[in-house]
């Protein structure tokens, strides 16, 4: 399982447009066969900061997502909304075994 946190700092004057443009990305991503979870979370301490929390079955699912029309379409528009570079962190969600 692959977990991704993609943090986005949105220009305040573009926030509503950003949220509208994100809807097709979220809906399309949630419908992908390798998707376990795909949710947008708003930061509780910082204004205009959001994190997309993603959980994928495996790296193949992430690759398919990154090549999807809904993802590439949004990425092409993202620079119009963001006030800082996208911050993406990926994690291996393999359960740790404790002795």
PDB file of N, CA and C in Angstrom:
ATOM      1  N   UNK A   1       0.841  -1.163   0.000  1.00  0.00           N
ATOM      2  CA  UNK A   1       0.000   0.000   0.000  1.00  0.00           C
ATOM      3  C   UNK A   1       0.895   1.236   0.000  1.00  0.00           C
ATOM      4  N   UNK A   2       0.499   2.240  -0.790  1.00  0.00           N
ATOM      5  CA  UNK A   2       1.247   3.484  -0.891  1.00  0.00           C
ATOM      6  C   UNK A   2       0.358   4.618  -0.369  1.00  0.00           C
ATOM      7  N   UNK A   3       0.920   5.422   0.521  1.00  0.00           N
ATOM      8  CA  UNK A   3       0.206   6.561   1.086  1.00  0.00           C
ATOM      9  C   UNK A   3       0.901   7.823   0.597  1.00  0.00           C
ATOM     10  N   UNK A   4       0.118   8.766   0.110  1.00  0.00           N
ATOM     11  CA  UNK A   4       0.668  10.022  -0.406  1.00  0.00           C
ATOM     12  C   UNK A   4      -0.042  11.184   0.279  1.00  0.00           C
ATOM     13  N   UNK A   5       0.746  12.167   0.697  1.00  0.00           N
ATOM     14  CA  UNK A   5       0.223  13.431   1.214  1.00  0.00           C
ATOM     15  C   UNK A   5       0.726  14.524   0.282  1.00  0.00           C
ATOM     16  N   UNK A   6      -0.186  15.159  -0.430  1.00  0.00           N
ATOM     17  CA  UNK A   6       0.169  16.242  -1.344  1.00  0.00           C
ATOM     18  C   UNK A   6      -0.369  17.547  -0.769  1.00  0.00           C
ATOM     19  N   UNK A   7       0.534  18.384  -0.257  1.00  0.00           N
ATOM     20  CA  UNK A   7       0.135  19.634   0.386  1.00  0.00           C
ATOM     21  C   UNK A   7       0.166  20.763  -0.630  1.00  0.00           C
ATOM     22  N   UNK A   8      -0.928  21.539  -0.624  1.00  0.00           N
ATOM     23  CA  UNK A   8      -1.090  22.630  -1.582  1.00  0.00           C
ATOM     24  C   UNK A   8      -1.388  23.931  -0.849  1.00  0.00           C
ATOM     25  N   UNK A   9      -0.588  24.952  -1.119  1.00  0.00           N
ATOM     26  CA  UNK A   9      -0.803  26.306  -0.589  1.00  0.00           C
ATOM     27  C   UNK A   9      -1.507  27.081  -1.700  1.00  0.00           C
ATOM     28  N   UNK A  10      -2.732  27.481  -1.433  1.00  0.00           N
ATOM     29  CA  UNK A  10      -3.579  28.085  -2.459  1.00  0.00           C
ATOM     30  C   UNK A  10      -3.602  29.605  -2.312  1.00  0.00           C
ATOM     31  N   UNK A  11      -3.554  30.292  -3.447  1.00  0.00           N
ATOM     32  CA  UNK A  11      -3.696  31.745  -3.444  1.00  0.00           C
ATOM     33  C   UNK A  11      -5.090  32.082  -2.906  1.00  0.00           C
ATOM     34  N   UNK A  12      -5.186  32.951  -1.903  1.00  0.00           N
ATOM     35  CA  UNK A  12      -6.489  33.241  -1.291  1.00  0.00           C
ATOM     36  C   UNK A  12      -7.571  33.649  -2.290  1.00  0.00           C
ATOM     37  N   UNK A  13      -7.221  34.466  -3.264  1.00  0.00           N
ATOM     38  CA  UNK A  13      -8.213  34.941  -4.227  1.00  0.00           C
ATOM     39  C   UNK A  13      -8.636  33.865  -5.227  1.00  0.00           C
ATOM     40  N   UNK A  14      -7.925  32.735  -5.256  1.00  0.00           N
ATOM     41  CA  UNK A  14      -8.228  31.647  -6.192  1.00  0.00           C
ATOM     42  C   UNK A  14      -8.808  30.418  -5.480  1.00  0.00           C
ATOM     43  N   UNK A  15      -9.054  30.519  -4.183  1.00  0.00           N
ATOM     44  CA  UNK A  15      -9.438  29.338  -3.394  1.00  0.00           C
ATOM     45  C   UNK A  15     -10.739  28.698  -3.877  1.00  0.00           C
ATOM     46  N   UNK A  16     -11.759  29.491  -4.142  1.00  0.00           N
ATOM     47  CA  UNK A  16     -13.036  28.915  -4.579  1.00  0.00           C
ATOM     48  C   UNK A  16     -12.903  28.249  -5.942  1.00  0.00           C
ATOM     49  N   UNK A  17     -12.182  28.867  -6.846  1.00  0.00           N
ATOM     50  CA  UNK A  17     -11.948  28.285  -8.167  1.00  0.00           C
ATOM     51  C   UNK A  17     -11.160  26.975  -8.036  1.00  0.00           C
ATOM     52  N   UNK A  18     -10.161  26.968  -7.153  1.00  0.00           N
ATOM     53  CA  UNK A  18      -9.372  25.767  -6.869  1.00  0.00           C
ATOM     54  C   UNK A  18     -10.277  24.621  -6.424  1.00  0.00           C
ATOM     55  N   UNK A  19     -11.186  24.911  -5.497  1.00  0.00           N
ATOM     56  CA  UNK A  19     -12.068  23.864  -4.974  1.00  0.00           C
ATOM     57  C   UNK A  19     -13.007  23.322  -6.048  1.00  0.00           C
ATOM     58  N   UNK A  20     -13.448  24.168  -6.954  1.00  0.00           N
ATOM     59  CA  UNK A  20     -14.311  23.723  -8.060  1.00  0.00           C
ATOM     60  C   UNK A  20     -13.512  22.842  -9.018  1.00  0.00           C
ATOM     61  N   UNK A  21     -12.308  23.282  -9.367  1.00  0.00           N
ATOM     62  CA  UNK A  21     -11.469  22.531 -10.309  1.00  0.00           C
ATOM     63  C   UNK A  21     -11.016  21.190  -9.735  1.00  0.00           C
ATOM     64  N   UNK A  22     -10.997  21.077  -8.419  1.00  0.00           N
ATOM     65  CA  UNK A  22     -10.551  19.843  -7.774  1.00  0.00           C
ATOM     66  C   UNK A  22     -11.605  18.730  -7.819  1.00  0.00           C
ATOM     67  N   UNK A  23     -12.874  19.095  -7.952  1.00  0.00           N
ATOM     68  CA  UNK A  23     -13.955  18.098  -7.897  1.00  0.00           C
ATOM     69  C   UNK A  23     -13.788  16.966  -8.915  1.00  0.00           C
ATOM     70  N   UNK A  24     -13.496  17.249 -10.196  1.00  0.00           N
ATOM     71  CA  UNK A  24     -13.313  16.141 -11.145  1.00  0.00           C
ATOM     72  C   UNK A  24     -12.106  15.262 -10.806  1.00  0.00           C
ATOM     73  N   UNK A  25     -11.055  15.873 -10.259  1.00  0.00           N
ATOM     74  CA  UNK A  25      -9.880  15.101  -9.860  1.00  0.00           C
ATOM     75  C   UNK A  25     -10.237  14.126  -8.743  1.00  0.00           C
ATOM     76  N   UNK A  26     -10.931  14.612  -7.727  1.00  0.00           N
ATOM     77  CA  UNK A  26     -11.295  13.758  -6.598  1.00  0.00           C
ATOM     78  C   UNK A  26     -12.236  12.644  -7.052  1.00  0.00           C
ATOM     79  N   UNK A  27     -13.264  12.993  -7.803  1.00  0.00           N
ATOM     80  CA  UNK A  27     -14.231  11.982  -8.255  1.00  0.00           C
ATOM     81  C   UNK A  27     -13.566  10.937  -9.148  1.00  0.00           C
ATOM     82  N   UNK A  28     -12.744  11.387 -10.093  1.00  0.00           N
ATOM     83  CA  UNK A  28     -12.062  10.456 -10.994  1.00  0.00           C
ATOM     84  C   UNK A  28     -11.080   9.566 -10.260  1.00  0.00           C
ATOM     85  N   UNK A  29     -10.364  10.134  -9.307  1.00  0.00           N
ATOM     86  CA  UNK A  29      -9.374   9.372  -8.550  1.00  0.00           C
ATOM     87  C   UNK A  29     -10.032   8.331  -7.662  1.00  0.00           C
ATOM     88  N   UNK A  30     -11.124   8.709  -7.008  1.00  0.00           N
ATOM     89  CA  UNK A  30     -11.839   7.767  -6.148  1.00  0.00           C
ATOM     90  C   UNK A  30     -12.413   6.600  -6.942  1.00  0.00           C
ATOM     91  N   UNK A  31     -12.685   6.798  -8.229  1.00  0.00           N
ATOM     92  CA  UNK A  31     -13.251   5.746  -9.076  1.00  0.00           C
ATOM     93  C   UNK A  31     -12.197   4.797  -9.638  1.00  0.00           C
ATOM     94  N   UNK A  32     -10.925   5.124  -9.491  1.00  0.00           N
ATOM     95  CA  UNK A  32      -9.868   4.268 -10.031  1.00  0.00           C
ATOM     96  C   UNK A  32      -9.810   2.946  -9.262  1.00  0.00           C
ATOM     97  N   UNK A  33      -9.538   1.869  -9.995  1.00  0.00           N
ATOM     98  CA  UNK A  33      -9.558   0.531  -9.385  1.00  0.00           C
ATOM     99  C   UNK A  33      -8.501   0.350  -8.300  1.00  0.00           C
ATOM    100  N   UNK A  34      -7.377   1.031  -8.392  1.00  0.00           N
ATOM    101  CA  UNK A  34      -6.312   0.869  -7.400  1.00  0.00           C
ATOM    102  C   UNK A  34      -6.391   1.835  -6.235  1.00  0.00           C
ATOM    103  N   UNK A  35      -7.444   2.655  -6.204  1.00  0.00           N
ATOM    104  CA  UNK A  35      -7.578   3.644  -5.140  1.00  0.00           C
ATOM    105  C   UNK A  35      -8.282   3.062  -3.929  1.00  0.00           C
ATOM    106  N   UNK A  36      -7.707   3.314  -2.760  1.00  0.00           N
ATOM    107  CA  UNK A  36      -8.314   2.905  -1.493  1.00  0.00           C
ATOM    108  C   UNK A  36      -8.957   4.117  -0.826  1.00  0.00           C
ATOM    109  N   UNK A  37      -8.279   5.276  -0.891  1.00  0.00           N
ATOM    110  CA  UNK A  37      -8.817   6.517  -0.331  1.00  0.00           C
ATOM    111  C   UNK A  37      -8.207   7.708  -1.050  1.00  0.00           C
ATOM    112  N   UNK A  38      -9.026   8.738  -1.263  1.00  0.00           N
ATOM    113  CA  UNK A  38      -8.559   9.966  -1.907  1.00  0.00           C
ATOM    114  C   UNK A  38      -9.426  11.093  -1.366  1.00  0.00           C
ATOM    115  N   UNK A  39      -8.893  11.867  -0.403  1.00  0.00           N
ATOM    116  CA  UNK A  39      -9.687  12.907   0.250  1.00  0.00           C
ATOM    117  C   UNK A  39      -8.884  14.187   0.405  1.00  0.00           C
ATOM    118  N   UNK A  40      -9.579  15.304   0.201  1.00  0.00           N
ATOM    119  CA  UNK A  40      -8.977  16.609   0.410  1.00  0.00           C
ATOM    120  C   UNK A  40      -9.246  17.046   1.847  1.00  0.00           C
ATOM    121  N   UNK A  41      -8.183  17.443   2.545  1.00  0.00           N
ATOM    122  CA  UNK A  41      -8.287  17.896   3.924  1.00  0.00           C
ATOM    123  C   UNK A  41      -7.803  19.344   4.002  1.00  0.00           C
ATOM    124  N   UNK A  42      -8.534  20.179   4.753  1.00  0.00           N
ATOM    125  CA  UNK A  42      -8.130  21.576   4.947  1.00  0.00           C
ATOM    126  C   UNK A  42      -7.348  21.680   6.249  1.00  0.00           C
ATOM    127  N   UNK A  43      -6.215  22.365   6.192  1.00  0.00           N
ATOM    128  CA  UNK A  43      -5.379  22.564   7.374  1.00  0.00           C
ATOM    129  C   UNK A  43      -6.161  23.357   8.421  1.00  0.00           C
ATOM    130  N   UNK A  44      -6.095  22.937   9.664  1.00  0.00           N
ATOM    131  CA  UNK A  44      -6.819  23.620  10.735  1.00  0.00           C
ATOM    132  C   UNK A  44      -6.034  24.784  11.335  1.00  0.00           C
ATOM    133  N   UNK A  45      -4.753  24.857  11.010  1.00  0.00           N
ATOM    134  CA  UNK A  45      -3.913  25.910  11.595  1.00  0.00           C
ATOM    135  C   UNK A  45      -3.430  26.946  10.585  1.00  0.00           C
ATOM    136  N   UNK A  46      -3.450  26.605   9.304  1.00  0.00           N
ATOM    137  CA  UNK A  46      -2.944  27.515   8.281  1.00  0.00           C
ATOM    138  C   UNK A  46      -4.048  27.778   7.263  1.00  0.00           C
ATOM    139  N   UNK A  47      -4.304  29.050   7.021  1.00  0.00           N
ATOM    140  CA  UNK A  47      -5.298  29.446   6.035  1.00  0.00           C
ATOM    141  C   UNK A  47      -4.830  29.079   4.623  1.00  0.00           C
ATOM    142  N   UNK A  48      -5.758  28.658   3.796  1.00  0.00           N
ATOM    143  CA  UNK A  48      -5.515  28.409   2.371  1.00  0.00           C
ATOM    144  C   UNK A  48      -4.525  27.274   2.112  1.00  0.00           C
ATOM    145  N   UNK A  49      -4.419  26.345   3.057  1.00  0.00           N
ATOM    146  CA  UNK A  49      -3.537  25.192   2.895  1.00  0.00           C
ATOM    147  C   UNK A  49      -4.383  23.921   2.960  1.00  0.00           C
ATOM    148  N   UNK A  50      -4.183  23.061   1.974  1.00  0.00           N
ATOM    149  CA  UNK A  50      -4.930  21.804   1.866  1.00  0.00           C
ATOM    150  C   UNK A  50      -3.945  20.659   1.668  1.00  0.00           C
ATOM    151  N   UNK A  51      -4.333  19.477   2.118  1.00  0.00           N
ATOM    152  CA  UNK A  51      -3.553  18.275   1.857  1.00  0.00           C
ATOM    153  C   UNK A  51      -4.465  17.215   1.262  1.00  0.00           C
ATOM    154  N   UNK A  52      -4.052  16.684   0.120  1.00  0.00           N
ATOM    155  CA  UNK A  52      -4.745  15.551  -0.478  1.00  0.00           C
ATOM    156  C   UNK A  52      -4.139  14.307   0.161  1.00  0.00           C
ATOM    157  N   UNK A  53      -4.965  13.543   0.833  1.00  0.00           N
ATOM    158  CA  UNK A  53      -4.517  12.311   1.477  1.00  0.00           C
ATOM    159  C   UNK A  53      -4.961  11.168   0.568  1.00  0.00           C
ATOM    160  N   UNK A  54      -3.981  10.435   0.065  1.00  0.00           N
ATOM    161  CA  UNK A  54      -4.241   9.374  -0.904  1.00  0.00           C
ATOM    162  C   UNK A  54      -3.720   8.039  -0.373  1.00  0.00           C
ATOM    163  N   UNK A  55      -4.474   6.994  -0.613  1.00  0.00           N
ATOM    164  CA  UNK A  55      -4.017   5.642  -0.304  1.00  0.00           C
ATOM    165  C   UNK A  55      -4.265   4.804  -1.550  1.00  0.00           C
ATOM    166  N   UNK A  56      -3.212   4.158  -2.026  1.00  0.00           N
ATOM    167  CA  UNK A  56      -3.250   3.369  -3.262  1.00  0.00           C
ATOM    168  C   UNK A  56      -2.853   1.933  -2.973  1.00  0.00           C
ATOM    169  N   UNK A  57      -3.386   1.034  -3.772  1.00  0.00           N
ATOM    170  CA  UNK A  57      -3.106  -0.404  -3.623  1.00  0.00           C
ATOM    171  C   UNK A  57      -1.619  -0.697  -3.754  1.00  0.00           C
ATOM    172  N   UNK A  58      -0.966  -0.089  -4.763  1.00  0.00           N
ATOM    173  CA  UNK A  58       0.454  -0.353  -5.023  1.00  0.00           C
ATOM    174  C   UNK A  58       1.023   0.721  -5.949  1.00  0.00           C
ATOM    175  N   UNK A  59       2.300   0.592  -6.289  1.00  0.00           N
ATOM    176  CA  UNK A  59       2.947   1.573  -7.168  1.00  0.00           C
ATOM    177  C   UNK A  59       2.350   1.593  -8.563  1.00  0.00           C
ATOM    178  N   UNK A  60       1.876   0.452  -9.056  1.00  0.00           N
ATOM    179  CA  UNK A  60       1.218   0.422 -10.370  1.00  0.00           C
ATOM    180  C   UNK A  60      -0.035   1.291 -10.364  1.00  0.00           C
ATOM    181  N   UNK A  61      -0.779   1.260  -9.261  1.00  0.00           N
ATOM    182  CA  UNK A  61      -1.982   2.089  -9.146  1.00  0.00           C
ATOM    183  C   UNK A  61      -1.613   3.572  -9.140  1.00  0.00           C
ATOM    184  N   UNK A  62      -0.523   3.923  -8.473  1.00  0.00           N
ATOM    185  CA  UNK A  62      -0.048   5.316  -8.450  1.00  0.00           C
ATOM    186  C   UNK A  62       0.354   5.744  -9.862  1.00  0.00           C
ATOM    187  N   UNK A  63       1.063   4.879 -10.574  1.00  0.00           N
ATOM    188  CA  UNK A  63       1.489   5.194 -11.942  1.00  0.00           C
ATOM    189  C   UNK A  63       0.297   5.401 -12.858  1.00  0.00           C
ATOM    190  N   UNK A  64      -0.702   4.540 -12.731  1.00  0.00           N
ATOM    191  CA  UNK A  64      -1.914   4.675 -13.552  1.00  0.00           C
ATOM    192  C   UNK A  64      -2.624   5.987 -13.221  1.00  0.00           C
ATOM    193  N   UNK A  65      -2.687   6.316 -11.952  1.00  0.00           N
ATOM    194  CA  UNK A  65      -3.313   7.577 -11.528  1.00  0.00           C
ATOM    195  C   UNK A  65      -2.567   8.774 -12.112  1.00  0.00           C
ATOM    196  N   UNK A  66      -1.238   8.750 -12.019  1.00  0.00           N
ATOM    197  CA  UNK A  66      -0.436   9.870 -12.518  1.00  0.00           C
ATOM    198  C   UNK A  66      -0.560  10.066 -14.025  1.00  0.00           C
ATOM    199  N   UNK A  67      -0.976   9.026 -14.745  1.00  0.00           N
ATOM    200  CA  UNK A  67      -1.150   9.111 -16.193  1.00  0.00           C
ATOM    201  C   UNK A  67      -2.604   9.391 -16.589  1.00  0.00           C
ATOM    202  N   UNK A  68      -3.510   9.411 -15.621  1.00  0.00           N
ATOM    203  CA  UNK A  68      -4.940   9.574 -15.915  1.00  0.00           C
ATOM    204  C   UNK A  68      -5.242  10.990 -16.413  1.00  0.00           C
ATOM    205  N   UNK A  69      -6.311  11.098 -17.207  1.00  0.00           N
ATOM    206  CA  UNK A  69      -6.714  12.401 -17.743  1.00  0.00           C
ATOM    207  C   UNK A  69      -7.090  13.376 -16.637  1.00  0.00           C
ATOM    208  N   UNK A  70      -7.828  12.903 -15.624  1.00  0.00           N
ATOM    209  CA  UNK A  70      -8.262  13.825 -14.568  1.00  0.00           C
ATOM    210  C   UNK A  70      -7.071  14.356 -13.765  1.00  0.00           C
ATOM    211  N   UNK A  71      -6.031  13.530 -13.594  1.00  0.00           N
ATOM    212  CA  UNK A  71      -4.838  13.982 -12.864  1.00  0.00           C
ATOM    213  C   UNK A  71      -4.024  14.956 -13.711  1.00  0.00           C
ATOM    214  N   UNK A  72      -3.718  14.590 -14.948  1.00  0.00           N
ATOM    215  CA  UNK A  72      -2.888  15.452 -15.797  1.00  0.00           C
ATOM    216  C   UNK A  72      -3.596  16.772 -16.102  1.00  0.00           C
ATOM    217  N   UNK A  73      -4.926  16.735 -16.213  1.00  0.00           N
ATOM    218  CA  UNK A  73      -5.687  17.960 -16.447  1.00  0.00           C
ATOM    219  C   UNK A  73      -5.540  18.903 -15.253  1.00  0.00           C
ATOM    220  N   UNK A  74      -5.691  18.367 -14.045  1.00  0.00           N
ATOM    221  CA  UNK A  74      -5.566  19.224 -12.864  1.00  0.00           C
ATOM    222  C   UNK A  74      -4.141  19.738 -12.699  1.00  0.00           C
ATOM    223  N   UNK A  75      -3.157  18.895 -12.889  1.00  0.00           N
ATOM    224  CA  UNK A  75      -1.753  19.313 -12.742  1.00  0.00           C
ATOM    225  C   UNK A  75      -1.446  20.474 -13.701  1.00  0.00           C
ATOM    226  N   UNK A  76      -2.016  20.406 -14.898  1.00  0.00           N
ATOM    227  CA  UNK A  76      -1.806  21.479 -15.862  1.00  0.00           C
ATOM    228  C   UNK A  76      -2.378  22.813 -15.410  1.00  0.00           C
ATOM    229  N   UNK A  77      -3.414  22.771 -14.581  1.00  0.00           N
ATOM    230  CA  UNK A  77      -4.057  23.989 -14.081  1.00  0.00           C
ATOM    231  C   UNK A  77      -3.526  24.428 -12.717  1.00  0.00           C
ATOM    232  N   UNK A  78      -2.876  23.542 -11.985  1.00  0.00           N
ATOM    233  CA  UNK A  78      -2.507  23.786 -10.586  1.00  0.00           C
ATOM    234  C   UNK A  78      -1.681  25.054 -10.399  1.00  0.00           C
ATOM    235  N   UNK A  79      -0.776  25.335 -11.305  1.00  0.00           N
ATOM    236  CA  UNK A  79       0.096  26.505 -11.143  1.00  0.00           C
ATOM    237  C   UNK A  79      -0.715  27.797 -11.088  1.00  0.00           C
ATOM    238  N   UNK A  80      -1.929  27.787 -11.642  1.00  0.00           N
ATOM    239  CA  UNK A  80      -2.782  28.975 -11.606  1.00  0.00           C
ATOM    240  C   UNK A  80      -3.358  29.241 -10.217  1.00  0.00           C
ATOM    241  N   UNK A  81      -3.360  28.224  -9.354  1.00  0.00           N
ATOM    242  CA  UNK A  81      -3.984  28.342  -8.035  1.00  0.00           C
ATOM    243  C   UNK A  81      -2.994  28.379  -6.877  1.00  0.00           C
ATOM    244  N   UNK A  82      -1.838  27.788  -7.059  1.00  0.00           N
ATOM    245  CA  UNK A  82      -0.916  27.589  -5.944  1.00  0.00           C
ATOM    246  C   UNK A  82      -0.002  28.791  -5.714  1.00  0.00           C
ATOM    247  N   UNK A  83       0.282  29.057  -4.429  1.00  0.00           N
ATOM    248  CA  UNK A  83       1.176  30.155  -4.069  1.00  0.00           C
ATOM    249  C   UNK A  83       2.566  29.654  -3.687  1.00  0.00           C
ATOM    250  N   UNK A  84       2.740  28.326  -3.674  1.00  0.00           N
ATOM    251  CA  UNK A  84       4.029  27.701  -3.354  1.00  0.00           C
ATOM    252  C   UNK A  84       4.095  26.382  -4.108  1.00  0.00           C
ATOM    253  N   UNK A  85       5.288  25.853  -4.302  1.00  0.00           N
ATOM    254  CA  UNK A  85       5.398  24.556  -4.981  1.00  0.00           C
ATOM    255  C   UNK A  85       4.631  23.462  -4.226  1.00  0.00           C
ATOM    256  N   UNK A  86       4.066  22.556  -4.966  1.00  0.00           N
ATOM    257  CA  UNK A  86       3.380  21.403  -4.408  1.00  0.00           C
ATOM    258  C   UNK A  86       4.367  20.593  -3.570  1.00  0.00           C
ATOM    259  N   UNK A  87       3.956  20.178  -2.388  1.00  0.00           N
ATOM    260  CA  UNK A  87       4.812  19.404  -1.484  1.00  0.00           C
ATOM    261  C   UNK A  87       4.221  18.000  -1.387  1.00  0.00           C
ATOM    262  N   UNK A  88       4.893  17.032  -2.006  1.00  0.00           N
ATOM    263  CA  UNK A  88       4.372  15.661  -2.046  1.00  0.00           C
ATOM    264  C   UNK A  88       5.297  14.737  -1.262  1.00  0.00           C
ATOM    265  N   UNK A  89       4.694  13.989  -0.356  1.00  0.00           N
ATOM    266  CA  UNK A  89       5.432  12.988   0.413  1.00  0.00           C
ATOM    267  C   UNK A  89       4.749  11.649   0.220  1.00  0.00           C
ATOM    268  N   UNK A  90       5.555  10.613  -0.040  1.00  0.00           N
ATOM    269  CA  UNK A  90       5.034   9.257  -0.247  1.00  0.00           C
ATOM    270  C   UNK A  90       5.547   8.343   0.847  1.00  0.00           C
ATOM    271  N   UNK A  91       4.687   7.413   1.252  1.00  0.00           N
ATOM    272  CA  UNK A  91       5.025   6.490   2.330  1.00  0.00           C
ATOM    273  C   UNK A  91       4.681   5.068   1.934  1.00  0.00           C
ATOM    274  N   UNK A  92       5.485   4.143   2.376  1.00  0.00           N
ATOM    275  CA  UNK A  92       5.195   2.726   2.210  1.00  0.00           C
ATOM    276  C   UNK A  92       4.268   2.334   3.352  1.00  0.00           C
ATOM    277  N   UNK A  93       3.076   1.907   3.025  1.00  0.00           N
ATOM    278  CA  UNK A  93       2.079   1.589   4.038  1.00  0.00           C
ATOM    279  C   UNK A  93       2.100   0.149   4.496  1.00  0.00           C
ATOM    280  N   UNK A  94       3.211  -0.545   4.277  1.00  0.00           N
ATOM    281  CA  UNK A  94       3.315  -1.916   4.732  1.00  0.00           C
ATOM    282  C   UNK A  94       3.296  -1.963   6.253  1.00  0.00           C
ATOM    283  N   UNK A  95       2.472  -2.814   6.818  1.00  0.00           N
ATOM    284  CA  UNK A  95       2.369  -2.907   8.251  1.00  0.00           C
ATOM    285  C   UNK A  95       3.674  -3.432   8.855  1.00  0.00           C
ATOM    286  N   UNK A  96       4.127  -2.768   9.896  1.00  0.00           N
ATOM    287  CA  UNK A  96       5.347  -3.188  10.561  1.00  0.00           C
ATOM    288  C   UNK A  96       5.024  -4.351  11.493  1.00  0.00           C
ATOM    289  N   UNK A  97       5.911  -5.320  11.521  1.00  0.00           N
ATOM    290  CA  UNK A  97       5.729  -6.466  12.421  1.00  0.00           C
ATOM    291  C   UNK A  97       6.543  -6.217  13.686  1.00  0.00           C
ATOM    292  N   UNK A  98       5.888  -6.364  14.803  1.00  0.00           N
ATOM    293  CA  UNK A  98       6.545  -6.148  16.093  1.00  0.00           C
ATOM    294  C   UNK A  98       6.883  -7.500  16.715  1.00  0.00           C
ATOM    295  N   UNK A  99       8.059  -7.589  17.307  1.00  0.00           N
ATOM    296  CA  UNK A  99       8.473  -8.840  17.942  1.00  0.00           C
ATOM    297  C   UNK A  99       8.024  -8.887  19.378  1.00  0.00           C
TER     298      UNK A  99
END
